[in-house]
């Protein structure tokens, strides 16, 4: 994302996290877990979550 927008990596991460945490608030915990479980390890933090929800 940073390369496409010309943003620094940290800014791109913050921007992505803002969008994904808003998405996380809009879907059920089960739906969010389905999405996060399909991503590489460590992506949950971009959604504002430390890991998969219980």
Protein backbone atom coordinates (compact mmCIF):
# COMPACT_ATOMS: atom_id res chain seq x y z
CA UNK A 1 0.00 0.00 0.00
CA UNK A 2 2.82 2.36 0.84
CA UNK A 3 4.43 1.97 -2.56
CA UNK A 4 1.17 2.65 -4.37
CA UNK A 5 0.37 5.75 -2.33
CA UNK A 6 3.90 7.03 -1.83
CA UNK A 7 3.47 6.80 1.94
CA UNK A 8 6.16 5.73 4.36
CA UNK A 9 5.75 2.14 5.62
CA UNK A 10 4.65 3.22 9.09
CA UNK A 11 2.07 5.64 7.67
CA UNK A 12 0.76 2.97 5.29
CA UNK A 13 0.43 0.53 8.20
CA UNK A 14 -1.49 3.10 10.25
CA UNK A 15 -3.79 3.88 7.31
CA UNK A 16 -4.48 0.20 6.63
CA UNK A 17 -5.12 -0.41 10.32
CA UNK A 18 -7.63 2.46 10.45
CA UNK A 19 -9.63 0.93 7.62
CA UNK A 20 -9.38 -2.66 8.89
CA UNK A 21 -10.30 -1.81 12.49
CA UNK A 22 -13.40 -0.03 11.18
CA UNK A 23 -14.23 -3.18 9.21
CA UNK A 24 -13.70 -5.25 12.36
CA UNK A 25 -16.29 -3.14 14.17
CA UNK A 26 -18.81 -3.67 11.36
CA UNK A 27 -18.77 -7.48 11.17
CA UNK A 28 -19.48 -10.24 13.65
CA UNK A 29 -16.60 -11.80 15.61
CA UNK A 30 -17.10 -15.03 13.66
CA UNK A 31 -16.83 -13.28 10.32
CA UNK A 32 -13.74 -11.41 11.48
CA UNK A 33 -12.13 -14.67 12.60
CA UNK A 34 -12.79 -16.16 9.17
CA UNK A 35 -10.97 -13.28 7.52
CA UNK A 36 -8.06 -13.19 9.97
CA UNK A 37 -7.59 -16.97 9.86
CA UNK A 38 -6.94 -16.74 6.11
CA UNK A 39 -4.18 -14.16 6.49
CA UNK A 40 -0.54 -14.71 7.47
CA UNK A 41 0.33 -14.62 11.16
CA UNK A 42 0.52 -11.14 12.62
CA UNK A 43 -2.20 -9.49 10.54
CA UNK A 44 -4.75 -9.48 13.39
CA UNK A 45 -3.09 -6.39 14.87
CA UNK A 46 -4.04 -4.44 11.73
CA UNK A 47 -7.66 -5.14 12.66
CA UNK A 48 -7.07 -3.85 16.20
CA UNK A 49 -7.03 -7.39 17.59
CA UNK A 50 -4.12 -9.17 19.30
CA UNK A 51 -5.15 -12.51 17.74
CA UNK A 52 -8.24 -14.49 16.75
CA UNK A 53 -11.26 -13.78 18.97
CA UNK A 54 -12.60 -16.53 21.18
